[in-house]
PDB file of all heavy atoms in Angstrom:
ATOM      1  N   SER A   1       4.218  -5.766   6.195  1.00  0.00           N
ATOM      2  CA  SER A   1       4.938  -4.431   6.129  1.00  0.00           C
ATOM      3  C   SER A   1       3.881  -3.426   5.494  1.00  0.00           C
ATOM      4  O   SER A   1       2.866  -3.793   4.946  1.00  0.00           O
ATOM      5  CB  SER A   1       6.007  -4.560   5.212  1.00  0.00           C
ATOM      6  OG  SER A   1       5.700  -4.760   3.890  1.00  0.00           O
ATOM      7  N   PRO A   2       4.161  -2.132   5.679  1.00  0.00           N
ATOM      8  CA  PRO A   2       3.234  -1.148   4.940  1.00  0.00           C
ATOM      9  C   PRO A   2       3.033  -1.470   3.467  1.00  0.00           C
ATOM     10  O   PRO A   2       1.971  -1.323   2.900  1.00  0.00           O
ATOM     11  CB  PRO A   2       4.027   0.155   5.218  1.00  0.00           C
ATOM     12  CG  PRO A   2       4.767  -0.175   6.483  1.00  0.00           C
ATOM     13  CD  PRO A   2       5.208  -1.469   6.411  1.00  0.00           C
ATOM     14  N   SER A   3       4.193  -1.775   2.881  1.00  0.00           N
ATOM     15  CA  SER A   3       4.085  -1.980   1.358  1.00  0.00           C
ATOM     16  C   SER A   3       3.170  -3.236   1.017  1.00  0.00           C
ATOM     17  O   SER A   3       2.504  -3.137   0.003  1.00  0.00           O
ATOM     18  CB  SER A   3       5.481  -2.413   0.871  1.00  0.00           C
ATOM     19  OG  SER A   3       6.351  -1.256   0.732  1.00  0.00           O
ATOM     20  N   GLU A   4       3.161  -4.193   1.820  1.00  0.00           N
ATOM     21  CA  GLU A   4       2.336  -5.432   1.634  1.00  0.00           C
ATOM     22  C   GLU A   4       0.832  -4.985   1.811  1.00  0.00           C
ATOM     23  O   GLU A   4       0.021  -5.444   1.014  1.00  0.00           O
ATOM     24  CB  GLU A   4       2.655  -6.534   2.627  1.00  0.00           C
ATOM     25  CG  GLU A   4       4.030  -7.206   2.257  1.00  0.00           C
ATOM     26  CD  GLU A   4       4.352  -8.195   3.328  1.00  0.00           C
ATOM     27  OE1 GLU A   4       4.145  -7.879   4.607  1.00  0.00           O
ATOM     28  OE2 GLU A   4       5.013  -9.092   3.023  1.00  0.00           O
ATOM     29  N   ILE A   5       0.559  -4.146   2.794  1.00  0.00           N
ATOM     30  CA  ILE A   5      -0.846  -3.754   2.955  1.00  0.00           C
ATOM     31  C   ILE A   5      -1.293  -2.840   1.813  1.00  0.00           C
ATOM     32  O   ILE A   5      -2.441  -2.802   1.481  1.00  0.00           O
ATOM     33  CB  ILE A   5      -0.936  -3.007   4.276  1.00  0.00           C
ATOM     34  CG1 ILE A   5      -0.779  -3.983   5.372  1.00  0.00           C
ATOM     35  CG2 ILE A   5      -2.272  -2.221   4.382  1.00  0.00           C
ATOM     36  CD1 ILE A   5      -0.647  -3.393   6.780  1.00  0.00           C
ATOM     37  N   LEU A   6      -0.397  -2.049   1.174  1.00  0.00           N
ATOM     38  CA  LEU A   6      -0.617  -1.116   0.123  1.00  0.00           C
ATOM     39  C   LEU A   6      -0.353  -1.697  -1.276  1.00  0.00           C
ATOM     40  O   LEU A   6      -0.629  -0.958  -2.183  1.00  0.00           O
ATOM     41  CB  LEU A   6       0.337   0.208   0.263  1.00  0.00           C
ATOM     42  CG  LEU A   6      -0.021   0.978   1.539  1.00  0.00           C
ATOM     43  CD1 LEU A   6       1.077   1.987   1.798  1.00  0.00           C
ATOM     44  CD2 LEU A   6      -1.383   1.735   1.463  1.00  0.00           C
ATOM     45  N   ASP A   7      -0.060  -2.904  -1.397  1.00  0.00           N
ATOM     46  CA  ASP A   7       0.187  -3.393  -2.823  1.00  0.00           C
ATOM     47  C   ASP A   7      -1.181  -3.913  -3.461  1.00  0.00           C
ATOM     48  O   ASP A   7      -2.287  -3.840  -2.764  1.00  0.00           O
ATOM     49  CB  ASP A   7       1.206  -4.591  -2.730  1.00  0.00           C
ATOM     50  CG  ASP A   7       0.690  -5.846  -2.265  1.00  0.00           C
ATOM     51  OD1 ASP A   7      -0.492  -6.123  -2.001  1.00  0.00           O
ATOM     52  OD2 ASP A   7       1.632  -6.743  -1.987  1.00  0.00           O
ATOM     53  N   GLU A   8      -1.183  -4.437  -4.596  1.00  0.00           N
ATOM     54  CA  GLU A   8      -2.408  -4.692  -5.453  1.00  0.00           C
ATOM     55  C   GLU A   8      -3.154  -5.887  -4.736  1.00  0.00           C
ATOM     56  O   GLU A   8      -4.361  -6.018  -5.169  1.00  0.00           O
ATOM     57  CB  GLU A   8      -1.991  -5.020  -6.760  1.00  0.00           C
ATOM     58  CG  GLU A   8      -0.994  -6.250  -6.920  1.00  0.00           C
ATOM     59  CD  GLU A   8      -0.421  -6.275  -8.294  1.00  0.00           C
ATOM     60  OE1 GLU A   8      -0.458  -5.448  -9.076  1.00  0.00           O
ATOM     61  OE2 GLU A   8       0.146  -7.459  -8.580  1.00  0.00           O
ATOM     62  N   THR A   9      -2.553  -6.701  -3.921  1.00  0.00           N
ATOM     63  CA  THR A   9      -3.325  -7.695  -3.352  1.00  0.00           C
ATOM     64  C   THR A   9      -3.553  -7.491  -1.802  1.00  0.00           C
ATOM     65  O   THR A   9      -3.939  -8.427  -1.022  1.00  0.00           O
ATOM     66  CB  THR A   9      -2.707  -9.162  -3.524  1.00  0.00           C
ATOM     67  OG1 THR A   9      -1.443  -9.098  -3.022  1.00  0.00           O
ATOM     68  CG2 THR A   9      -2.669  -9.512  -5.021  1.00  0.00           C
ATOM     69  N   GLY A  10      -3.141  -6.371  -1.314  1.00  0.00           N
ATOM     70  CA  GLY A  10      -3.072  -6.045   0.181  1.00  0.00           C
ATOM     71  C   GLY A  10      -4.410  -5.773   0.659  1.00  0.00           C
ATOM     72  O   GLY A  10      -5.529  -5.712  -0.007  1.00  0.00           O
ATOM     73  N   GLN A  11      -4.565  -5.499   1.947  1.00  0.00           N
ATOM     74  CA  GLN A  11      -5.794  -5.315   2.657  1.00  0.00           C
ATOM     75  C   GLN A  11      -6.572  -4.057   2.065  1.00  0.00           C
ATOM     76  O   GLN A  11      -7.844  -4.183   1.999  1.00  0.00           O
ATOM     77  CB  GLN A  11      -5.482  -5.163   4.123  1.00  0.00           C
ATOM     78  CG  GLN A  11      -5.060  -6.489   4.777  1.00  0.00           C
ATOM     79  CD  GLN A  11      -4.559  -6.239   6.189  1.00  0.00           C
ATOM     80  OE1 GLN A  11      -4.012  -5.223   6.592  1.00  0.00           O
ATOM     81  NE2 GLN A  11      -4.999  -7.264   7.027  1.00  0.00           N
ATOM     82  N   LEU A  12      -5.876  -3.030   1.772  1.00  0.00           N
ATOM     83  CA  LEU A  12      -6.590  -1.851   1.330  1.00  0.00           C
ATOM     84  C   LEU A  12      -7.192  -2.133  -0.051  1.00  0.00           C
ATOM     85  O   LEU A  12      -8.357  -1.764  -0.343  1.00  0.00           O
ATOM     86  CB  LEU A  12      -5.642  -0.652   1.262  1.00  0.00           C
ATOM     87  CG  LEU A  12      -5.388  -0.005   2.633  1.00  0.00           C
ATOM     88  CD1 LEU A  12      -4.529   1.225   2.408  1.00  0.00           C
ATOM     89  CD2 LEU A  12      -6.662   0.271   3.367  1.00  0.00           C
ATOM     90  N   ALA A  13      -6.517  -2.845  -0.933  1.00  0.00           N
ATOM     91  CA  ALA A  13      -7.105  -3.164  -2.289  1.00  0.00           C
ATOM     92  C   ALA A  13      -8.304  -4.050  -1.979  1.00  0.00           C
ATOM     93  O   ALA A  13      -9.242  -3.990  -2.888  1.00  0.00           O
ATOM     94  CB  ALA A  13      -6.012  -3.861  -3.063  1.00  0.00           C
ATOM     95  N   ARG A  14      -8.294  -4.885  -1.133  1.00  0.00           N
ATOM     96  CA  ARG A  14      -9.510  -5.729  -0.848  1.00  0.00           C
ATOM     97  C   ARG A  14     -10.623  -5.049  -0.255  1.00  0.00           C
ATOM     98  O   ARG A  14     -11.755  -5.297  -0.376  1.00  0.00           O
ATOM     99  CB  ARG A  14      -9.088  -6.987  -0.006  1.00  0.00           C
ATOM    100  CG  ARG A  14      -8.109  -7.993  -0.804  1.00  0.00           C
ATOM    101  CD  ARG A  14      -8.011  -9.274  -0.031  1.00  0.00           C
ATOM    102  NE  ARG A  14      -7.484  -9.073   1.361  1.00  0.00           N
ATOM    103  CZ  ARG A  14      -6.242  -9.154   1.905  1.00  0.00           C
ATOM    104  NH1 ARG A  14      -5.294  -9.290   0.951  1.00  0.00           N
ATOM    105  NH2 ARG A  14      -6.048  -9.072   3.080  1.00  0.00           N
ATOM    106  N   ALA A  15     -10.251  -4.011   0.544  1.00  0.00           N
ATOM    107  CA  ALA A  15     -11.345  -3.311   1.304  1.00  0.00           C
ATOM    108  C   ALA A  15     -11.986  -2.114   0.549  1.00  0.00           C
ATOM    109  O   ALA A  15     -13.055  -1.603   0.891  1.00  0.00           O
ATOM    110  CB  ALA A  15     -10.779  -2.919   2.677  1.00  0.00           C
ATOM    111  N   ILE A  16     -11.188  -1.367  -0.378  1.00  0.00           N
ATOM    112  CA  ILE A  16     -11.534  -0.141  -0.897  1.00  0.00           C
ATOM    113  C   ILE A  16     -11.712  -0.402  -2.393  1.00  0.00           C
ATOM    114  O   ILE A  16     -10.713  -0.547  -3.153  1.00  0.00           O
ATOM    115  CB  ILE A  16     -10.518   0.969  -0.685  1.00  0.00           C
ATOM    116  CG1 ILE A  16     -10.396   1.117   0.862  1.00  0.00           C
ATOM    117  CG2 ILE A  16     -10.938   2.141  -1.291  1.00  0.00           C
ATOM    118  CD1 ILE A  16      -9.216   2.036   1.295  1.00  0.00           C
ATOM    119  N   GLU A  17     -12.954  -0.290  -2.842  1.00  0.00           N
ATOM    120  CA  GLU A  17     -13.186  -0.436  -4.306  1.00  0.00           C
ATOM    121  C   GLU A  17     -12.420   0.665  -5.023  1.00  0.00           C
ATOM    122  O   GLU A  17     -12.477   1.847  -4.664  1.00  0.00           O
ATOM    123  CB  GLU A  17     -14.683  -0.362  -4.567  1.00  0.00           C
ATOM    124  CG  GLU A  17     -15.011  -0.606  -5.955  1.00  0.00           C
ATOM    125  CD  GLU A  17     -16.491  -0.595  -6.261  1.00  0.00           C
ATOM    126  OE1 GLU A  17     -17.206  -0.910  -5.346  1.00  0.00           O
ATOM    127  OE2 GLU A  17     -16.919  -0.285  -7.337  1.00  0.00           O
ATOM    128  N   GLY A  18     -11.685   0.333  -6.096  1.00  0.00           N
ATOM    129  CA  GLY A  18     -11.106   1.341  -6.878  1.00  0.00           C
ATOM    130  C   GLY A  18      -9.582   1.588  -6.373  1.00  0.00           C
ATOM    131  O   GLY A  18      -8.888   2.430  -7.047  1.00  0.00           O
ATOM    132  N   PHE A  19      -9.198   0.972  -5.282  1.00  0.00           N
ATOM    133  CA  PHE A  19      -7.819   1.319  -4.777  1.00  0.00           C
ATOM    134  C   PHE A  19      -6.810   0.722  -5.670  1.00  0.00           C
ATOM    135  O   PHE A  19      -6.893  -0.274  -6.305  1.00  0.00           O
ATOM    136  CB  PHE A  19      -7.654   0.577  -3.421  1.00  0.00           C
ATOM    137  CG  PHE A  19      -6.275   0.867  -2.847  1.00  0.00           C
ATOM    138  CD1 PHE A  19      -5.940   1.887  -2.111  1.00  0.00           C
ATOM    139  CD2 PHE A  19      -5.160  -0.114  -3.106  1.00  0.00           C
ATOM    140  CE1 PHE A  19      -4.678   2.085  -1.613  1.00  0.00           C
ATOM    141  CE2 PHE A  19      -3.968   0.135  -2.614  1.00  0.00           C
ATOM    142  CZ  PHE A  19      -3.672   1.184  -1.887  1.00  0.00           C
ATOM    143  N   ALA A  20      -5.831   1.750  -5.957  1.00  0.00           N
ATOM    144  CA  ALA A  20      -4.768   1.414  -6.953  1.00  0.00           C
ATOM    145  C   ALA A  20      -3.392   1.523  -6.159  1.00  0.00           C
ATOM    146  O   ALA A  20      -3.321   2.541  -5.606  1.00  0.00           O
ATOM    147  CB  ALA A  20      -4.765   2.260  -8.174  1.00  0.00           C
ATOM    148  N   PRO A  21      -2.571   0.477  -6.189  1.00  0.00           N
ATOM    149  CA  PRO A  21      -1.272   0.657  -5.538  1.00  0.00           C
ATOM    150  C   PRO A  21      -0.337   1.706  -6.245  1.00  0.00           C
ATOM    151  O   PRO A  21      -0.466   1.880  -7.510  1.00  0.00           O
ATOM    152  CB  PRO A  21      -0.614  -0.777  -5.621  1.00  0.00           C
ATOM    153  CG  PRO A  21      -1.319  -1.381  -6.863  1.00  0.00           C
ATOM    154  CD  PRO A  21      -2.680  -0.717  -6.910  1.00  0.00           C
ATOM    155  N   ARG A  22       0.447   2.321  -5.560  1.00  0.00           N
ATOM    156  CA  ARG A  22       1.355   3.380  -6.021  1.00  0.00           C
ATOM    157  C   ARG A  22       2.771   3.185  -5.528  1.00  0.00           C
ATOM    158  O   ARG A  22       2.901   3.106  -4.385  1.00  0.00           O
ATOM    159  CB  ARG A  22       0.892   4.811  -5.637  1.00  0.00           C
ATOM    160  CG  ARG A  22      -0.619   5.061  -6.152  1.00  0.00           C
ATOM    161  CD  ARG A  22      -1.114   6.338  -5.584  1.00  0.00           C
ATOM    162  NE  ARG A  22      -2.519   6.556  -5.924  1.00  0.00           N
ATOM    163  CZ  ARG A  22      -3.434   6.997  -5.090  1.00  0.00           C
ATOM    164  NH1 ARG A  22      -2.942   7.733  -4.021  1.00  0.00           N
ATOM    165  NH2 ARG A  22      -4.668   7.134  -5.432  1.00  0.00           N
ATOM    166  N   ALA A  23       3.612   3.110  -6.386  1.00  0.00           N
ATOM    167  CA  ALA A  23       5.056   2.891  -5.924  1.00  0.00           C
ATOM    168  C   ALA A  23       5.539   3.861  -4.925  1.00  0.00           C
ATOM    169  O   ALA A  23       6.168   3.601  -3.983  1.00  0.00           O
ATOM    170  CB  ALA A  23       5.994   2.767  -7.147  1.00  0.00           C
ATOM    171  N   GLY A  24       5.329   5.194  -5.248  1.00  0.00           N
ATOM    172  CA  GLY A  24       5.670   6.251  -4.412  1.00  0.00           C
ATOM    173  C   GLY A  24       5.030   6.188  -3.074  1.00  0.00           C
ATOM    174  O   GLY A  24       5.648   6.409  -1.987  1.00  0.00           O
ATOM    175  N   GLN A  25       3.818   5.763  -2.966  1.00  0.00           N
ATOM    176  CA  GLN A  25       3.065   5.590  -1.628  1.00  0.00           C
ATOM    177  C   GLN A  25       3.763   4.472  -0.870  1.00  0.00           C
ATOM    178  O   GLN A  25       3.935   4.613   0.340  1.00  0.00           O
ATOM    179  CB  GLN A  25       1.583   5.344  -1.996  1.00  0.00           C
ATOM    180  CG  GLN A  25       0.755   5.045  -0.738  1.00  0.00           C
ATOM    181  CD  GLN A  25      -0.659   4.707  -1.085  1.00  0.00           C
ATOM    182  OE1 GLN A  25      -0.740   3.607  -1.781  1.00  0.00           O
ATOM    183  NE2 GLN A  25      -1.626   5.470  -0.617  1.00  0.00           N
ATOM    184  N   GLN A  26       4.075   3.453  -1.585  1.00  0.00           N
ATOM    185  CA  GLN A  26       4.726   2.273  -0.736  1.00  0.00           C
ATOM    186  C   GLN A  26       6.048   2.554  -0.280  1.00  0.00           C
ATOM    187  O   GLN A  26       6.390   2.396   0.789  1.00  0.00           O
ATOM    188  CB  GLN A  26       4.759   1.096  -1.817  1.00  0.00           C
ATOM    189  CG  GLN A  26       3.297   0.468  -2.036  1.00  0.00           C
ATOM    190  CD  GLN A  26       3.397  -0.562  -3.121  1.00  0.00           C
ATOM    191  OE1 GLN A  26       4.160  -0.433  -4.182  1.00  0.00           O
ATOM    192  NE2 GLN A  26       2.657  -1.618  -2.931  1.00  0.00           N
ATOM    193  N   ALA A  27       6.881   3.303  -1.152  1.00  0.00           N
ATOM    194  CA  ALA A  27       8.197   3.723  -0.683  1.00  0.00           C
ATOM    195  C   ALA A  27       8.112   4.803   0.554  1.00  0.00           C
ATOM    196  O   ALA A  27       8.855   4.672   1.441  1.00  0.00           O
ATOM    197  CB  ALA A  27       8.919   4.551  -1.850  1.00  0.00           C
ATOM    198  N   MET A  28       7.164   5.738   0.422  1.00  0.00           N
ATOM    199  CA  MET A  28       7.004   6.600   1.548  1.00  0.00           C
ATOM    200  C   MET A  28       6.550   6.049   2.770  1.00  0.00           C
ATOM    201  O   MET A  28       6.971   6.221   3.788  1.00  0.00           O
ATOM    202  CB  MET A  28       5.902   7.693   1.065  1.00  0.00           C
ATOM    203  CG  MET A  28       5.870   8.877   2.053  1.00  0.00           C
ATOM    204  SD  MET A  28       4.786  10.232   1.449  1.00  0.00           S
ATOM    205  CE  MET A  28       4.353  10.993   2.985  1.00  0.00           C
ATOM    206  N   ALA A  29       5.551   5.039   2.636  1.00  0.00           N
ATOM    207  CA  ALA A  29       5.148   4.266   3.842  1.00  0.00           C
ATOM    208  C   ALA A  29       6.230   3.489   4.457  1.00  0.00           C
ATOM    209  O   ALA A  29       6.397   3.384   5.726  1.00  0.00           O
ATOM    210  CB  ALA A  29       3.979   3.274   3.442  1.00  0.00           C
ATOM    211  N   GLU A  30       7.100   2.946   3.617  1.00  0.00           N
ATOM    212  CA  GLU A  30       8.166   2.160   4.257  1.00  0.00           C
ATOM    213  C   GLU A  30       9.258   3.167   4.994  1.00  0.00           C
ATOM    214  O   GLU A  30       9.649   2.806   6.100  1.00  0.00           O
ATOM    215  CB  GLU A  30       8.988   1.472   3.176  1.00  0.00           C
ATOM    216  CG  GLU A  30       8.308   0.157   2.612  1.00  0.00           C
ATOM    217  CD  GLU A  30       8.014  -0.935   3.606  1.00  0.00           C
ATOM    218  OE1 GLU A  30       8.933  -1.029   4.633  1.00  0.00           O
ATOM    219  OE2 GLU A  30       7.075  -1.601   3.506  1.00  0.00           O
ATOM    220  N   ALA A  31       9.435   4.348   4.429  1.00  0.00           N
ATOM    221  CA  ALA A  31      10.273   5.386   5.023  1.00  0.00           C
ATOM    222  C   ALA A  31       9.665   5.816   6.418  1.00  0.00           C
ATOM    223  O   ALA A  31      10.448   5.959   7.364  1.00  0.00           O
ATOM    224  CB  ALA A  31      10.561   6.448   4.142  1.00  0.00           C
ATOM    225  N   VAL A  32       8.325   6.051   6.389  1.00  0.00           N
ATOM    226  CA  VAL A  32       7.638   6.422   7.634  1.00  0.00           C
ATOM    227  C   VAL A  32       7.759   5.288   8.632  1.00  0.00           C
ATOM    228  O   VAL A  32       8.019   5.642   9.826  1.00  0.00           O
ATOM    229  CB  VAL A  32       6.182   6.870   7.390  1.00  0.00           C
ATOM    230  CG1 VAL A  32       5.405   6.881   8.664  1.00  0.00           C
ATOM    231  CG2 VAL A  32       6.092   8.038   6.515  1.00  0.00           C
ATOM    232  N   GLY A  33       7.608   4.049   8.244  1.00  0.00           N
ATOM    233  CA  GLY A  33       7.723   2.986   9.116  1.00  0.00           C
ATOM    234  C   GLY A  33       9.120   2.832   9.794  1.00  0.00           C
ATOM    235  O   GLY A  33       9.147   2.679  11.013  1.00  0.00           O
ATOM    236  N   ARG A  34      10.103   3.044   8.977  1.00  0.00           N
ATOM    237  CA  ARG A  34      11.496   2.973   9.488  1.00  0.00           C
ATOM    238  C   ARG A  34      11.694   4.190  10.397  1.00  0.00           C
ATOM    239  O   ARG A  34      12.345   3.976  11.541  1.00  0.00           O
ATOM    240  CB  ARG A  34      12.583   3.139   8.323  1.00  0.00           C
ATOM    241  CG  ARG A  34      12.635   1.824   7.563  1.00  0.00           C
ATOM    242  CD  ARG A  34      13.853   1.909   6.577  1.00  0.00           C
ATOM    243  NE  ARG A  34      13.757   2.933   5.653  1.00  0.00           N
ATOM    244  CZ  ARG A  34      13.172   2.816   4.472  1.00  0.00           C
ATOM    245  NH1 ARG A  34      12.588   1.737   4.186  1.00  0.00           N
ATOM    246  NH2 ARG A  34      13.146   3.908   3.683  1.00  0.00           N
TER     247      ARG A  34
END
C-alpha cells in the first residue's frame, strides 16, 4: 500500500537518506490511492 511504501521501513526510507515518514503524507497517499 502507499502507507507501507512511505513508512519508516518502506522502500523510500531505504532508498532516500534522511527520509522521514509523516502521518499526514501517509493519510493523503491512501486517500489518493482510493
